[in-house]
N, C-alpha and C. Protein backbone atom coordinates (compact mmCIF):
# COMPACT_ATOMS: atom_id res chain seq x y z
N MET A 1 -46.84 23.80 11.05
CA MET A 1 -45.91 23.87 9.93
C MET A 1 -45.20 25.22 9.89
N LYS A 2 -45.97 26.32 10.05
CA LYS A 2 -45.35 27.64 10.04
C LYS A 2 -44.42 27.83 11.22
N ASN A 3 -44.82 27.32 12.39
CA ASN A 3 -43.95 27.44 13.56
C ASN A 3 -42.62 26.71 13.33
N GLU A 4 -42.70 25.56 12.68
CA GLU A 4 -41.48 24.80 12.37
C GLU A 4 -40.61 25.58 11.39
N LEU A 5 -41.21 26.19 10.38
CA LEU A 5 -40.47 27.01 9.42
C LEU A 5 -39.80 28.18 10.12
N ASN A 6 -40.54 28.86 10.99
CA ASN A 6 -39.98 30.00 11.71
C ASN A 6 -38.85 29.57 12.64
N GLN A 7 -39.05 28.47 13.34
CA GLN A 7 -38.02 27.99 14.26
C GLN A 7 -36.77 27.56 13.50
N ASN A 8 -36.96 26.93 12.35
CA ASN A 8 -35.83 26.54 11.51
C ASN A 8 -35.05 27.77 11.06
N ALA A 9 -35.76 28.83 10.67
CA ALA A 9 -35.11 30.08 10.25
C ALA A 9 -34.28 30.67 11.39
N LEU A 10 -34.85 30.65 12.59
CA LEU A 10 -34.12 31.18 13.75
C LEU A 10 -32.89 30.34 14.06
N THR A 11 -33.03 29.03 14.02
CA THR A 11 -31.90 28.15 14.29
C THR A 11 -30.76 28.40 13.30
N LYS A 12 -31.10 28.52 12.03
CA LYS A 12 -30.08 28.80 11.02
C LYS A 12 -29.43 30.14 11.25
N ALA A 13 -30.23 31.13 11.64
CA ALA A 13 -29.72 32.49 11.83
C ALA A 13 -28.71 32.57 12.98
N VAL A 14 -28.98 31.90 14.07
CA VAL A 14 -28.09 32.03 15.23
C VAL A 14 -26.94 31.03 15.20
N SER A 15 -27.07 29.95 14.44
CA SER A 15 -26.01 28.94 14.46
C SER A 15 -25.11 28.98 13.25
N GLY A 16 -25.41 29.81 12.28
CA GLY A 16 -24.57 29.89 11.09
C GLY A 16 -23.16 30.35 11.43
N GLN A 17 -22.22 29.96 10.63
CA GLN A 17 -20.83 30.31 10.91
C GLN A 17 -20.24 31.27 9.88
N SER A 18 -20.87 31.38 8.74
CA SER A 18 -20.34 32.25 7.71
C SER A 18 -20.56 33.72 8.06
N MET A 19 -19.56 34.52 7.79
CA MET A 19 -19.67 35.96 8.03
C MET A 19 -19.63 36.73 6.71
N THR A 20 -19.83 36.05 5.60
CA THR A 20 -19.69 36.69 4.29
C THR A 20 -20.72 37.80 4.06
N ASN A 21 -21.88 37.73 4.70
CA ASN A 21 -22.89 38.77 4.52
C ASN A 21 -22.76 39.93 5.50
N TYR A 22 -21.87 39.85 6.45
CA TYR A 22 -21.74 40.92 7.44
C TYR A 22 -21.50 42.29 6.80
N PRO A 23 -20.58 42.42 5.85
CA PRO A 23 -20.37 43.75 5.25
C PRO A 23 -21.64 44.31 4.59
N THR A 24 -22.38 43.45 3.90
CA THR A 24 -23.63 43.88 3.25
C THR A 24 -24.65 44.31 4.29
N ILE A 25 -24.78 43.53 5.36
CA ILE A 25 -25.72 43.85 6.42
C ILE A 25 -25.36 45.17 7.09
N ILE A 26 -24.10 45.33 7.44
CA ILE A 26 -23.67 46.55 8.11
C ILE A 26 -23.85 47.76 7.21
N LYS A 27 -23.43 47.66 5.97
CA LYS A 27 -23.59 48.77 5.03
C LYS A 27 -25.06 49.13 4.85
N GLY A 28 -25.89 48.12 4.68
CA GLY A 28 -27.32 48.36 4.45
C GLY A 28 -27.99 49.06 5.62
N PHE A 29 -27.68 48.65 6.84
CA PHE A 29 -28.31 49.28 7.99
C PHE A 29 -27.67 50.63 8.33
N LEU A 30 -26.39 50.80 8.01
CA LEU A 30 -25.80 52.13 8.15
C LEU A 30 -26.52 53.13 7.26
N GLU A 31 -26.84 52.70 6.03
CA GLU A 31 -27.57 53.56 5.09
C GLU A 31 -28.98 53.87 5.60
N LYS A 32 -29.52 53.02 6.45
CA LYS A 32 -30.85 53.24 7.04
C LYS A 32 -30.77 54.06 8.33
N GLY A 33 -29.55 54.44 8.72
CA GLY A 33 -29.38 55.28 9.89
C GLY A 33 -29.16 54.55 11.19
N VAL A 34 -28.94 53.26 11.14
CA VAL A 34 -28.67 52.49 12.36
C VAL A 34 -27.17 52.62 12.66
N PRO A 35 -26.80 53.04 13.89
CA PRO A 35 -25.38 53.14 14.24
C PRO A 35 -24.69 51.77 14.14
N GLU A 36 -23.45 51.79 13.68
CA GLU A 36 -22.72 50.54 13.47
C GLU A 36 -22.62 49.69 14.74
N ALA A 37 -22.47 50.33 15.88
CA ALA A 37 -22.35 49.60 17.14
C ALA A 37 -23.63 48.83 17.50
N GLU A 38 -24.75 49.22 16.89
CA GLU A 38 -26.03 48.57 17.17
C GLU A 38 -26.40 47.50 16.15
N ILE A 39 -25.51 47.22 15.21
CA ILE A 39 -25.78 46.21 14.17
C ILE A 39 -24.99 44.96 14.53
N ARG A 40 -25.70 43.94 15.00
CA ARG A 40 -25.06 42.70 15.42
C ARG A 40 -25.76 41.51 14.78
N PRO A 41 -25.30 41.11 13.58
CA PRO A 41 -25.90 39.94 12.94
C PRO A 41 -25.85 38.73 13.88
N ARG A 42 -26.89 37.93 13.82
CA ARG A 42 -27.07 36.73 14.64
C ARG A 42 -27.44 37.06 16.08
N GLU A 43 -27.53 38.34 16.39
CA GLU A 43 -27.97 38.77 17.72
C GLU A 43 -29.21 39.64 17.62
N ASN A 44 -29.17 40.65 16.71
CA ASN A 44 -30.32 41.54 16.58
C ASN A 44 -30.68 41.85 15.13
N VAL A 45 -30.20 41.02 14.22
CA VAL A 45 -30.54 41.12 12.79
C VAL A 45 -30.94 39.72 12.33
N PHE A 46 -32.24 39.59 11.95
CA PHE A 46 -32.76 38.28 11.55
C PHE A 46 -33.72 38.42 10.37
N THR A 47 -34.06 37.29 9.78
CA THR A 47 -35.06 37.26 8.72
C THR A 47 -36.45 37.43 9.33
N PHE A 48 -37.42 37.68 8.47
CA PHE A 48 -38.81 37.82 8.88
C PHE A 48 -39.26 36.63 9.71
N ASN A 49 -39.00 35.41 9.20
CA ASN A 49 -39.43 34.20 9.88
C ASN A 49 -38.70 33.97 11.20
N ALA A 50 -37.44 34.35 11.27
CA ALA A 50 -36.70 34.21 12.52
C ALA A 50 -37.28 35.14 13.58
N TRP A 51 -37.64 36.36 13.19
CA TRP A 51 -38.28 37.28 14.15
C TRP A 51 -39.61 36.71 14.63
N LYS A 52 -40.36 36.09 13.72
CA LYS A 52 -41.64 35.49 14.12
C LYS A 52 -41.42 34.39 15.15
N ALA A 53 -40.37 33.61 14.97
CA ALA A 53 -40.06 32.55 15.94
C ALA A 53 -39.73 33.12 17.31
N LEU A 54 -39.24 34.35 17.34
CA LEU A 54 -38.94 35.02 18.60
C LEU A 54 -40.16 35.75 19.17
N GLY A 55 -41.30 35.59 18.50
CA GLY A 55 -42.52 36.22 18.98
C GLY A 55 -42.65 37.68 18.59
N LYS A 56 -41.88 38.11 17.62
CA LYS A 56 -41.89 39.51 17.16
C LYS A 56 -42.48 39.58 15.77
N SER A 57 -42.84 40.77 15.36
CA SER A 57 -43.29 40.96 13.98
C SER A 57 -42.66 42.23 13.43
N VAL A 58 -42.39 42.21 12.13
CA VAL A 58 -41.79 43.36 11.47
C VAL A 58 -42.86 44.44 11.33
N LYS A 59 -42.47 45.67 11.66
CA LYS A 59 -43.41 46.79 11.58
C LYS A 59 -43.85 46.99 10.14
N LYS A 60 -45.11 47.36 9.97
CA LYS A 60 -45.67 47.58 8.64
C LYS A 60 -44.88 48.68 7.93
N GLY A 61 -44.56 48.42 6.67
CA GLY A 61 -43.85 49.40 5.84
C GLY A 61 -42.34 49.36 5.94
N GLU A 62 -41.81 48.53 6.83
CA GLU A 62 -40.36 48.44 6.98
C GLU A 62 -39.75 47.67 5.81
N HIS A 63 -38.58 48.12 5.39
CA HIS A 63 -37.83 47.43 4.34
C HIS A 63 -36.51 46.98 4.93
N GLY A 64 -36.18 45.74 4.70
CA GLY A 64 -34.95 45.19 5.24
C GLY A 64 -33.80 45.33 4.27
N VAL A 65 -32.75 44.60 4.55
CA VAL A 65 -31.55 44.57 3.73
C VAL A 65 -31.49 43.21 3.04
N LYS A 66 -31.36 43.24 1.72
CA LYS A 66 -31.28 41.99 0.96
C LYS A 66 -29.86 41.44 1.02
N ILE A 67 -29.79 40.13 1.25
CA ILE A 67 -28.50 39.45 1.28
C ILE A 67 -28.57 38.21 0.39
N LEU A 68 -27.42 37.75 -0.02
CA LEU A 68 -27.33 36.55 -0.86
C LEU A 68 -26.80 35.41 -0.02
N THR A 69 -27.52 34.31 -0.04
CA THR A 69 -27.07 33.11 0.65
C THR A 69 -27.04 31.96 -0.35
N TYR A 70 -26.51 30.85 0.08
CA TYR A 70 -26.48 29.65 -0.77
C TYR A 70 -27.10 28.50 -0.01
N LEU A 71 -28.05 27.87 -0.65
CA LEU A 71 -28.74 26.73 -0.04
C LEU A 71 -28.13 25.43 -0.53
N PRO A 72 -27.83 24.52 0.39
CA PRO A 72 -27.29 23.22 -0.03
C PRO A 72 -28.38 22.36 -0.66
N ARG A 73 -28.03 21.66 -1.68
CA ARG A 73 -28.94 20.73 -2.36
C ARG A 73 -28.18 19.45 -2.64
N PHE A 74 -28.93 18.37 -2.79
CA PHE A 74 -28.33 17.06 -3.04
C PHE A 74 -29.10 16.36 -4.14
N LYS A 75 -28.38 15.60 -4.96
CA LYS A 75 -29.05 14.80 -5.98
C LYS A 75 -28.33 13.46 -6.09
N LYS A 76 -29.11 12.47 -6.46
CA LYS A 76 -28.56 11.12 -6.65
C LYS A 76 -28.24 10.95 -8.13
N VAL A 77 -27.04 10.46 -8.40
CA VAL A 77 -26.61 10.23 -9.77
C VAL A 77 -25.96 8.85 -9.86
N ALA A 78 -26.01 8.30 -11.04
CA ALA A 78 -25.37 6.99 -11.27
C ALA A 78 -24.00 7.22 -11.89
N ASP A 79 -23.01 6.50 -11.38
CA ASP A 79 -21.68 6.61 -11.98
C ASP A 79 -21.58 5.67 -13.19
N ASP A 80 -20.42 5.55 -13.77
CA ASP A 80 -20.23 4.73 -14.98
C ASP A 80 -20.54 3.25 -14.75
N ASP A 81 -20.40 2.78 -13.51
CA ASP A 81 -20.67 1.38 -13.19
C ASP A 81 -22.13 1.14 -12.81
N GLY A 82 -22.94 2.18 -12.83
CA GLY A 82 -24.34 2.05 -12.47
C GLY A 82 -24.61 2.18 -10.98
N ASN A 83 -23.56 2.46 -10.20
CA ASN A 83 -23.74 2.66 -8.76
C ASN A 83 -24.29 4.05 -8.50
N GLU A 84 -25.20 4.12 -7.57
CA GLU A 84 -25.81 5.41 -7.26
C GLU A 84 -25.02 6.11 -6.16
N LYS A 85 -24.77 7.40 -6.37
CA LYS A 85 -24.09 8.18 -5.33
C LYS A 85 -24.79 9.53 -5.22
N THR A 86 -24.57 10.19 -4.11
CA THR A 86 -25.19 11.48 -3.86
C THR A 86 -24.16 12.59 -4.08
N GLU A 87 -24.54 13.56 -4.90
CA GLU A 87 -23.70 14.72 -5.13
C GLU A 87 -24.34 15.93 -4.48
N SER A 88 -23.52 16.80 -3.97
CA SER A 88 -24.05 18.01 -3.36
C SER A 88 -23.69 19.22 -4.21
N TYR A 89 -24.53 20.21 -4.14
CA TYR A 89 -24.30 21.48 -4.83
C TYR A 89 -25.08 22.56 -4.09
N SER A 90 -24.85 23.79 -4.43
CA SER A 90 -25.53 24.90 -3.77
C SER A 90 -26.24 25.74 -4.82
N ILE A 91 -27.34 26.35 -4.38
CA ILE A 91 -28.04 27.29 -5.27
C ILE A 91 -28.10 28.65 -4.57
N PRO A 92 -27.96 29.72 -5.34
CA PRO A 92 -28.04 31.06 -4.73
C PRO A 92 -29.48 31.36 -4.32
N TRP A 93 -29.62 32.11 -3.24
CA TRP A 93 -30.93 32.46 -2.71
C TRP A 93 -30.83 33.82 -2.04
N THR A 94 -31.78 34.69 -2.32
CA THR A 94 -31.77 35.98 -1.64
C THR A 94 -32.71 35.93 -0.45
N SER A 95 -32.29 36.58 0.60
CA SER A 95 -33.10 36.72 1.81
C SER A 95 -33.10 38.19 2.19
N THR A 96 -34.05 38.55 3.02
CA THR A 96 -34.11 39.90 3.54
C THR A 96 -34.03 39.82 5.05
N VAL A 97 -33.15 40.65 5.63
CA VAL A 97 -32.99 40.67 7.07
C VAL A 97 -33.46 42.01 7.63
N PHE A 98 -33.90 41.98 8.88
CA PHE A 98 -34.44 43.15 9.54
C PHE A 98 -33.72 43.36 10.88
N HIS A 99 -33.48 44.61 11.22
CA HIS A 99 -32.84 44.99 12.47
C HIS A 99 -33.90 45.04 13.58
N VAL A 100 -33.48 44.86 14.81
CA VAL A 100 -34.39 44.87 15.95
C VAL A 100 -35.20 46.17 16.02
N SER A 101 -34.65 47.26 15.52
CA SER A 101 -35.38 48.54 15.54
C SER A 101 -36.57 48.53 14.58
N GLN A 102 -36.67 47.53 13.71
CA GLN A 102 -37.73 47.43 12.74
C GLN A 102 -38.85 46.48 13.16
N VAL A 103 -38.75 45.94 14.36
CA VAL A 103 -39.77 44.98 14.82
C VAL A 103 -40.43 45.48 16.09
N HIS A 104 -41.56 44.89 16.39
CA HIS A 104 -42.25 45.16 17.67
C HIS A 104 -42.84 43.89 18.20
């Protein structure tokens, strides 16, 4: 179960298309002293679980950069005629990402 969770995190991290968190990620790691040229989201910046899927672990005491993401959710609702349909919506979710320099 944990391996599936970690692999899912890695898949989402490398296949995502949104770049809305890039400025937050870059700013956060610049403040931690990581040179901008070495900050490459989806290449060397991942969540805790994504790093685990890659066989790495975050070094003890390391603090990552918090980012805001939106998780898709679905619910079934009945329309005025009693027909059931599925509506989608998103909920905000915070995640923490770590740079390759923070893992071993």
